[in-house]
Protein backbone atom coordinates (compact mmCIF):
# COMPACT_ATOMS: atom_id res chain seq x y z
CA MET A 1 33.26 42.58 -33.10
CA SER A 2 31.96 40.41 -30.30
CA THR A 3 34.18 38.92 -27.62
CA ILE A 4 32.46 35.54 -28.06
CA ASP A 5 34.89 32.65 -27.67
CA LYS A 6 35.30 31.38 -31.23
CA SER A 7 36.47 28.00 -29.92
CA ILE A 8 32.84 27.29 -28.98
CA LYS A 9 31.67 26.00 -32.33
CA LYS A 10 28.35 24.25 -31.94
CA ILE A 11 25.01 25.99 -31.42
CA ASP A 12 21.94 24.31 -29.94
CA ILE A 13 19.07 24.93 -32.37
CA PRO A 14 15.75 23.69 -30.90
CA ASP A 15 13.48 21.43 -32.94
CA THR A 16 16.02 20.60 -35.64
CA PRO A 17 15.52 17.30 -37.50
CA ASN A 18 17.69 14.35 -36.55
CA LEU A 19 20.07 14.28 -39.51
CA PRO A 20 23.27 12.27 -38.97
CA GLY A 21 26.40 14.34 -39.49
CA VAL A 22 24.63 17.73 -39.48
CA ILE A 23 25.79 20.33 -36.95
CA TYR A 24 25.02 24.00 -36.35
CA ARG A 25 27.97 26.17 -35.43
CA ARG A 26 29.39 29.67 -35.20
CA PHE A 27 30.89 31.63 -38.08
CA ARG A 28 34.66 31.09 -38.42
CA GLY A 29 35.58 34.10 -40.52
CA ALA A 30 37.19 34.11 -43.95
CA GLU A 31 37.64 30.33 -44.00
CA ASP A 32 33.84 30.06 -44.39
CA TYR A 33 33.63 32.28 -47.47
CA PRO A 34 34.23 29.58 -50.14
CA GLY A 35 31.56 27.34 -48.58
CA MET A 36 29.12 30.25 -48.39
CA LEU A 37 29.72 31.04 -52.06
CA ALA A 38 29.09 27.41 -53.02
CA VAL A 39 25.77 27.38 -51.11
CA ILE A 40 24.67 30.65 -52.74
CA SER A 41 25.53 29.27 -56.18
CA ALA A 42 23.60 26.02 -55.65
CA SER A 43 20.61 27.92 -54.28
CA LYS A 44 20.37 30.46 -57.07
CA THR A 45 20.47 27.72 -59.70
CA ALA A 46 17.68 25.76 -58.03
CA ASP A 47 15.57 28.87 -57.43
CA ARG A 48 16.17 30.39 -60.88
CA VAL A 49 17.48 33.56 -59.27
CA GLU A 50 19.84 35.58 -61.43
CA ARG A 51 22.70 36.90 -59.32
CA THR A 52 26.48 36.85 -59.41
CA ASP A 53 28.62 36.63 -56.30
CA THR A 54 32.39 36.39 -55.96
CA LEU A 55 34.76 35.76 -53.07
CA GLU A 56 35.84 39.38 -53.46
CA ASP A 57 32.25 40.57 -52.99
CA ILE A 58 31.74 38.42 -49.88
CA THR A 59 35.06 39.49 -48.39
CA ASN A 60 34.26 43.16 -48.93
CA SER A 61 30.76 42.83 -47.51
CA TYR A 62 31.87 41.03 -44.36
CA SER A 63 34.74 43.46 -43.82
CA HIS A 64 32.27 46.33 -43.44
CA LEU A 65 29.22 44.92 -41.65
CA THR A 66 27.21 47.31 -39.51
CA ASN A 67 24.55 46.37 -36.94
CA CYS A 68 25.67 42.76 -37.18
CA ASP A 69 28.39 40.78 -35.42
CA PRO A 70 28.83 37.69 -37.62
CA PHE A 71 30.45 35.72 -34.79
CA ARG A 72 27.26 36.24 -32.77
CA ASP A 73 24.56 36.83 -35.38
CA MET A 74 25.18 33.97 -37.82
CA VAL A 75 24.51 30.24 -37.85
CA MET A 76 26.51 27.95 -40.11
CA ILE A 77 24.98 24.59 -41.06
CA GLU A 78 27.51 21.87 -41.74
CA HIS A 79 27.35 18.22 -42.82
CA GLU A 80 30.47 16.13 -42.23
CA GLY A 81 32.70 19.17 -42.58
CA ASN A 82 30.99 20.68 -45.61
CA LEU A 83 28.90 23.83 -45.40
CA ILE A 84 25.32 23.20 -46.57
CA GLY A 85 23.69 26.44 -45.41
CA TYR A 86 23.93 29.55 -43.29
CA THR A 87 21.85 32.40 -41.92
CA ARG A 88 22.63 35.97 -40.86
CA MET A 89 20.75 38.48 -38.73
CA GLU A 90 20.99 42.26 -38.45
CA TRP A 91 18.99 45.32 -37.43
CA ARG A 92 18.38 48.90 -38.51
CA ARG A 93 16.41 51.92 -37.34
CA GLU A 94 14.32 53.20 -40.24
CA SER A 95 12.93 56.72 -40.45
CA ASN A 96 10.37 56.32 -43.24
CA PRO A 97 8.31 55.13 -41.48
CA ASP A 98 9.96 55.34 -38.07
CA ARG A 99 10.49 51.82 -36.72
CA MET A 100 13.04 49.17 -35.73
CA VAL A 101 13.51 46.44 -38.32
CA PHE A 102 15.24 43.16 -37.44
CA SER A 103 16.19 41.33 -40.64
CA HIS A 104 17.29 37.77 -41.26
CA PHE A 105 18.12 35.81 -44.37
CA GLY A 106 19.72 32.52 -45.27
CA PHE A 107 20.66 30.00 -47.91
CA LEU A 108 20.25 26.23 -47.76
CA HIS A 109 21.62 23.80 -50.33
CA PRO A 110 18.71 22.39 -52.38
CA GLU A 111 19.59 18.80 -51.43
CA TRP A 112 18.85 19.60 -47.77
CA ARG A 113 15.53 21.38 -48.15
CA ARG A 114 12.08 20.19 -47.07
CA ASN A 115 13.27 18.52 -43.90
CA ARG A 116 12.35 21.26 -41.35
CA ILE A 117 15.81 22.86 -41.16
CA GLY A 118 14.39 26.12 -42.52
CA THR A 119 11.58 26.23 -39.97
CA ALA A 120 13.94 25.53 -37.05
CA ILE A 121 16.38 28.20 -38.24
CA LEU A 122 13.62 30.78 -38.67
CA HIS A 123 12.42 30.18 -35.10
CA TYR A 124 15.99 30.43 -33.81
CA ASN A 125 16.54 33.68 -35.72
CA GLU A 126 13.39 35.23 -34.28
CA ALA A 127 14.36 34.23 -30.74
CA HIS A 128 17.88 35.61 -31.24
CA LEU A 129 16.59 38.89 -32.65
CA ARG A 130 14.06 39.23 -29.83
CA LYS A 131 16.93 39.02 -27.39
CA LEU A 132 18.92 41.63 -29.31
CA SER A 133 15.88 43.89 -29.41
CA GLU A 134 15.76 44.10 -25.60
CA SER A 135 18.55 46.70 -25.60
CA PHE A 136 16.64 49.17 -27.80
CA SER A 137 14.17 51.85 -26.84
CA ARG A 138 10.57 50.79 -27.38
CA ASP A 139 9.36 54.16 -28.63
CA VAL A 140 8.67 52.78 -32.14
CA PRO A 141 7.16 49.54 -33.52
CA PHE A 142 9.39 46.48 -33.94
CA TYR A 143 9.28 44.21 -37.00
CA PHE A 144 10.94 41.06 -38.29
CA SER A 145 11.84 41.40 -41.97
CA VAL A 146 12.69 38.86 -44.71
CA ASN A 147 12.89 38.94 -48.51
CA ALA A 148 12.18 36.46 -51.29
CA ASP A 149 12.15 36.46 -55.08
CA ASP A 150 8.99 35.15 -56.72
CA HIS A 151 10.73 31.94 -57.79
CA GLU A 152 11.69 31.12 -54.17
CA THR A 153 8.34 29.48 -53.51
CA GLY A 154 9.57 27.41 -50.57
CA LYS A 155 10.72 30.51 -48.70
CA ILE A 156 7.50 32.37 -49.47
CA THR A 157 5.36 29.50 -48.18
CA LEU A 158 7.41 29.28 -44.98
CA PHE A 159 7.20 33.03 -44.35
CA GLN A 160 3.44 33.10 -44.84
CA VAL A 161 2.87 30.07 -42.60
CA GLU A 162 4.92 31.83 -39.91
CA GLY A 163 2.78 34.96 -40.06
CA TYR A 164 4.84 37.24 -42.31
CA GLN A 165 2.87 39.54 -44.60
CA PRO A 166 4.01 40.99 -47.97
CA ILE A 167 4.79 44.67 -47.45
CA ARG A 168 6.62 45.92 -50.53
CA HIS A 169 7.42 44.69 -54.05
CA PHE A 170 10.52 45.38 -56.12
CA TYR A 171 11.30 44.79 -59.79
CA LYS A 172 14.47 44.09 -61.63
CA MET A 173 13.96 45.86 -64.95
CA VAL A 174 15.91 45.44 -68.18
CA ARG A 175 16.09 47.65 -71.26
CA PRO A 176 16.61 44.90 -73.86
CA ASN A 177 18.58 47.05 -76.28
CA LEU A 178 20.46 50.32 -76.38
CA ASP A 179 18.88 51.57 -79.59
CA ASP A 180 16.79 54.73 -79.85
CA ILE A 181 18.13 56.28 -76.65
CA PRO A 182 16.15 59.51 -76.12
CA ASP A 183 18.03 62.72 -76.80
CA VAL A 184 17.26 64.55 -73.56
CA SER A 185 19.00 67.67 -72.33
CA LEU A 186 19.53 68.76 -68.75
CA PRO A 187 17.65 71.90 -67.64
CA GLU A 188 19.40 75.21 -68.05
CA GLY A 189 21.95 75.78 -65.30
CA ILE A 190 22.39 72.05 -64.58
CA GLU A 191 25.53 70.43 -65.97
CA LEU A 192 27.48 67.16 -66.06
CA ARG A 193 31.05 67.08 -64.81
CA PRO A 194 33.70 64.34 -64.78
CA VAL A 195 33.93 62.64 -61.39
CA THR A 196 37.17 62.96 -59.44
CA PRO A 197 38.06 61.41 -56.04
CA GLU A 198 37.45 64.65 -54.16
CA HIS A 199 33.80 64.39 -55.25
CA TYR A 200 33.15 60.91 -53.82
CA ARG A 201 32.07 61.94 -50.33
CA GLN A 202 29.91 64.79 -51.57
CA ILE A 203 28.16 62.50 -54.05
CA TRP A 204 27.58 59.93 -51.28
CA ASP A 205 26.19 62.53 -48.88
CA GLU A 206 23.84 64.01 -51.49
CA MET A 207 22.54 60.54 -52.40
CA GLN A 208 21.77 59.86 -48.73
CA GLU A 209 19.87 63.13 -48.53
CA ALA A 210 17.91 62.32 -51.69
CA PHE A 211 16.99 58.87 -50.34
CA ARG A 212 15.56 60.21 -47.04
CA ASP A 213 11.99 60.24 -48.28
CA HIS A 214 12.20 56.76 -49.82
CA TRP A 215 10.38 53.90 -48.11
CA GLY A 216 12.56 52.01 -45.65
CA TYR A 217 15.29 54.65 -45.48
CA ALA A 218 17.88 54.08 -42.75
CA PRO A 219 20.83 56.44 -42.25
CA GLU A 220 24.11 55.06 -43.61
CA SER A 221 27.30 55.02 -41.55
CA ASP A 222 30.94 55.84 -42.29
CA GLU A 223 31.53 52.09 -42.43
CA ASP A 224 28.89 51.85 -45.17
CA TYR A 225 30.72 54.59 -47.04
CA SER A 226 34.02 52.72 -46.78
CA SER A 227 32.35 49.58 -48.07
CA TRP A 228 30.84 51.51 -51.00
CA LEU A 229 34.29 52.70 -52.05
CA SER A 230 35.50 49.11 -52.38
CA TYR A 231 32.51 47.58 -54.22
CA SER A 232 33.28 46.00 -57.58
CA SER A 233 30.40 48.16 -58.90
CA PHE A 234 32.24 51.35 -57.86
CA GLN A 235 33.06 52.62 -61.37
CA PRO A 236 33.10 56.45 -61.32
CA ASP A 237 34.04 56.69 -65.00
CA LEU A 238 30.49 55.52 -65.82
CA TRP A 239 28.71 57.81 -63.36
CA GLN A 240 26.48 60.64 -64.52
CA ILE A 241 26.39 63.41 -61.92
CA ALA A 242 24.28 66.57 -62.29
CA TRP A 243 25.62 69.73 -60.69
CA HIS A 244 24.02 73.09 -59.98
CA GLY A 245 26.91 75.29 -59.06
CA ASP A 246 28.81 73.50 -56.30
CA ARG A 247 25.89 71.26 -55.42
CA VAL A 248 25.22 67.68 -56.56
CA VAL A 249 21.53 67.59 -57.50
CA GLY A 250 21.19 64.29 -59.37
CA THR A 251 22.97 60.97 -59.82
CA VAL A 252 22.96 57.84 -61.95
CA LEU A 253 25.77 55.48 -61.06
CA GLY A 254 26.51 53.24 -64.00
CA PHE A 255 28.52 50.06 -63.74
CA ILE A 256 29.30 46.86 -65.61
CA SER A 257 29.66 43.45 -63.94
CA GLU A 258 32.09 41.49 -66.09
CA GLU A 259 31.50 38.42 -63.91
CA GLU A 260 27.73 38.55 -64.42
CA ASN A 261 28.05 39.09 -68.16
CA LYS A 262 30.39 36.13 -68.44
CA GLU A 263 28.19 33.88 -66.29
CA TYR A 264 24.95 34.63 -68.14
CA GLY A 265 26.31 35.32 -71.62
CA VAL A 266 25.00 38.89 -71.83
CA LEU A 267 26.40 42.36 -72.49
CA ARG A 268 24.58 44.24 -69.73
CA GLY A 269 25.34 47.40 -67.85
CA TYR A 270 23.49 48.90 -64.90
CA THR A 271 21.97 52.33 -64.29
CA GLU A 272 21.64 52.44 -60.51
CA GLU A 273 21.48 54.84 -57.55
CA ILE A 274 19.14 57.10 -59.53
CA THR A 275 18.48 60.12 -57.34
CA VAL A 276 17.38 63.72 -57.74
CA HIS A 277 17.44 66.13 -54.84
CA LYS A 278 13.92 66.93 -53.68
CA GLU A 279 14.10 70.61 -54.70
CA TYR A 280 15.06 69.67 -58.28
CA ARG A 281 12.54 66.96 -59.10
CA LYS A 282 9.98 67.04 -61.95
CA ARG A 283 12.44 68.90 -64.20
CA GLY A 284 13.66 65.99 -66.35
CA ILE A 285 17.04 65.59 -64.62
CA ALA A 286 16.68 61.85 -63.94
CA ARG A 287 15.54 61.17 -67.51
CA ALA A 288 18.51 63.10 -68.94
CA LEU A 289 21.02 61.37 -66.65
CA ILE A 290 19.66 57.91 -67.49
CA ALA A 291 19.95 58.69 -71.21
CA CYS A 292 23.55 59.82 -70.72
CA CYS A 293 24.35 56.64 -68.80
CA LEU A 294 22.74 54.43 -71.47
CA ARG A 295 24.95 56.08 -74.10
CA ALA A 296 28.03 55.57 -71.94
CA LEU A 297 27.19 51.87 -71.55
CA LYS A 298 26.63 51.54 -75.30
CA ASP A 299 30.02 53.16 -75.93
CA ARG A 300 31.53 50.43 -73.72
CA GLY A 301 30.04 47.73 -75.95
CA MET A 302 26.99 46.88 -73.85
CA ALA A 303 23.79 45.73 -75.55
CA GLU A 304 21.28 46.17 -72.70
CA ALA A 305 20.83 47.89 -69.35
CA ALA A 306 19.20 46.99 -66.05
CA LEU A 307 18.13 48.52 -62.75
CA PHE A 308 16.16 47.72 -59.58
CA VAL A 309 13.14 49.72 -58.44
CA ASP A 310 10.63 49.92 -55.61
CA THR A 311 7.36 49.43 -57.50
CA GLU A 312 5.46 51.71 -55.10
CA ARG A 313 7.75 54.72 -55.00
CA LEU A 314 5.63 57.84 -54.89
CA SER A 315 8.09 59.68 -57.15
CA GLY A 316 6.76 57.77 -60.15
CA ALA A 317 10.07 56.05 -60.79
CA LEU A 318 8.43 52.96 -62.28
CA ARG A 319 6.63 55.03 -64.91
CA LEU A 320 9.84 56.91 -65.68
CA TYR A 321 11.80 53.71 -66.25
CA GLU A 322 9.06 52.19 -68.38
CA GLY A 323 9.09 55.37 -70.45
CA MET A 324 12.84 54.93 -70.91
CA GLY A 325 12.35 51.43 -72.33
CA TYR A 326 12.90 49.24 -69.26
CA ARG A 327 10.63 46.24 -68.65
CA PRO A 328 10.23 44.06 -65.50
CA VAL A 329 11.97 40.68 -65.66
CA PHE A 330 11.41 39.47 -62.09
CA ARG A 331 9.91 40.58 -58.80
CA SER A 332 11.05 40.30 -55.20
CA THR A 333 8.99 40.94 -52.08
CA ASN A 334 9.72 42.19 -48.60
CA PHE A 335 7.74 40.37 -45.89
CA GLN A 336 7.40 41.66 -42.33
CA LYS A 337 5.89 40.57 -39.03
CA PRO A 338 5.38 42.81 -35.99
CA PHE A 339 6.64 41.62 -32.62
CA GLN A 340 7.08 42.74 -29.04
CA PRO A 341 10.57 42.66 -27.50
C-alpha cells in the first residue's frame, strides 16, 4: 500500500463542473464500500446491465488488489457526504500481444450524469496513468484500456469522442434450459476426479498455462491466487476437472450465485474457466466437461446455465458453446487508445 497521507482527502480534478456540494477525494478504505455498492446498483439499473455485487465481493476484491494502490489510484466523488461515483486505475503487462495496458473504470450515479463529470474524470485518469507509466520500460507499446456493455451508450460515446477504438468483443451466453444435455464421453485415458484442497494450486497453475495463448493474457500473481480462493464463486464441488495421469488437462469451474438468482428471479448456474491444455485440444475434452457441469447444475435444481466468452478466440470457443446450446444475451467491448509515456 502507498504511504500517502490519508488525512489529505480532497483531490484537484481540472475542468470539473461547478456543482455545489460536490467534492473529489481519496479512497478511505472499508468505510467506502457501502457507498460504492449503492452507486454500482444505481448504475446497473439505469444501464440495464445484469450483474450482482455484494459487500463481501467488494471486500474480497479490495483485499487482494494487484498493480493498484486504491489510496493513490482511486477518486471518490461525493455530494454533501454521500458517495455519487468513483473511479479506479490499474496496470498490467500483457504477453499476448506483448504490451503495457493501463486500465481505468468508474461508476457515476445516473442523477449526476451528463454534466461533464465523466469527461473530467477520464482526463484525470489518463494523466494519472501517464505519470505511473513513467516508471516502466518502454520496450513495448503502451495503451489506455476501458470497457463498456452495449447498453452503456453514454460511456461508449465518451470513449469514442476521446479517441478510444473498439478492440475486442465479449458475449455473455445463456443456455436457456438444461434439457437434452449431450451424452459426451471423455477420450480414453482422460478421467474426472473429485476435487480436494491439495489439488487447488495445481488446478490454478494449469489454468494459467492454458490461458497463455488467449488474447490479453497477463500472468497472475500469488495475491490473485489468494483472492481466487476466497471468491463466492469458488465452489469446488461443482468443478469438472479432467486428468491424464497426474496432470490436469482440462477444467470447467461450475458455480451458482444464490444472490444473483434471488435478485433476478432465475435458477442459473455458471460454466466458467473452460480450459484445455494446448497439447490436448481438438479431442472433445471441453465438450465433455461442459456436459458434465450442466448435469451437475441440473442436479442442484438449476434451470439454465451461462458463461462469458471472447467472441474472437481462435480456439473456436464461440462455435463450441453455440453447439452446446448457449446463445448470446448481451455484448461488452474493450476499447483502447495508444499513448506515449
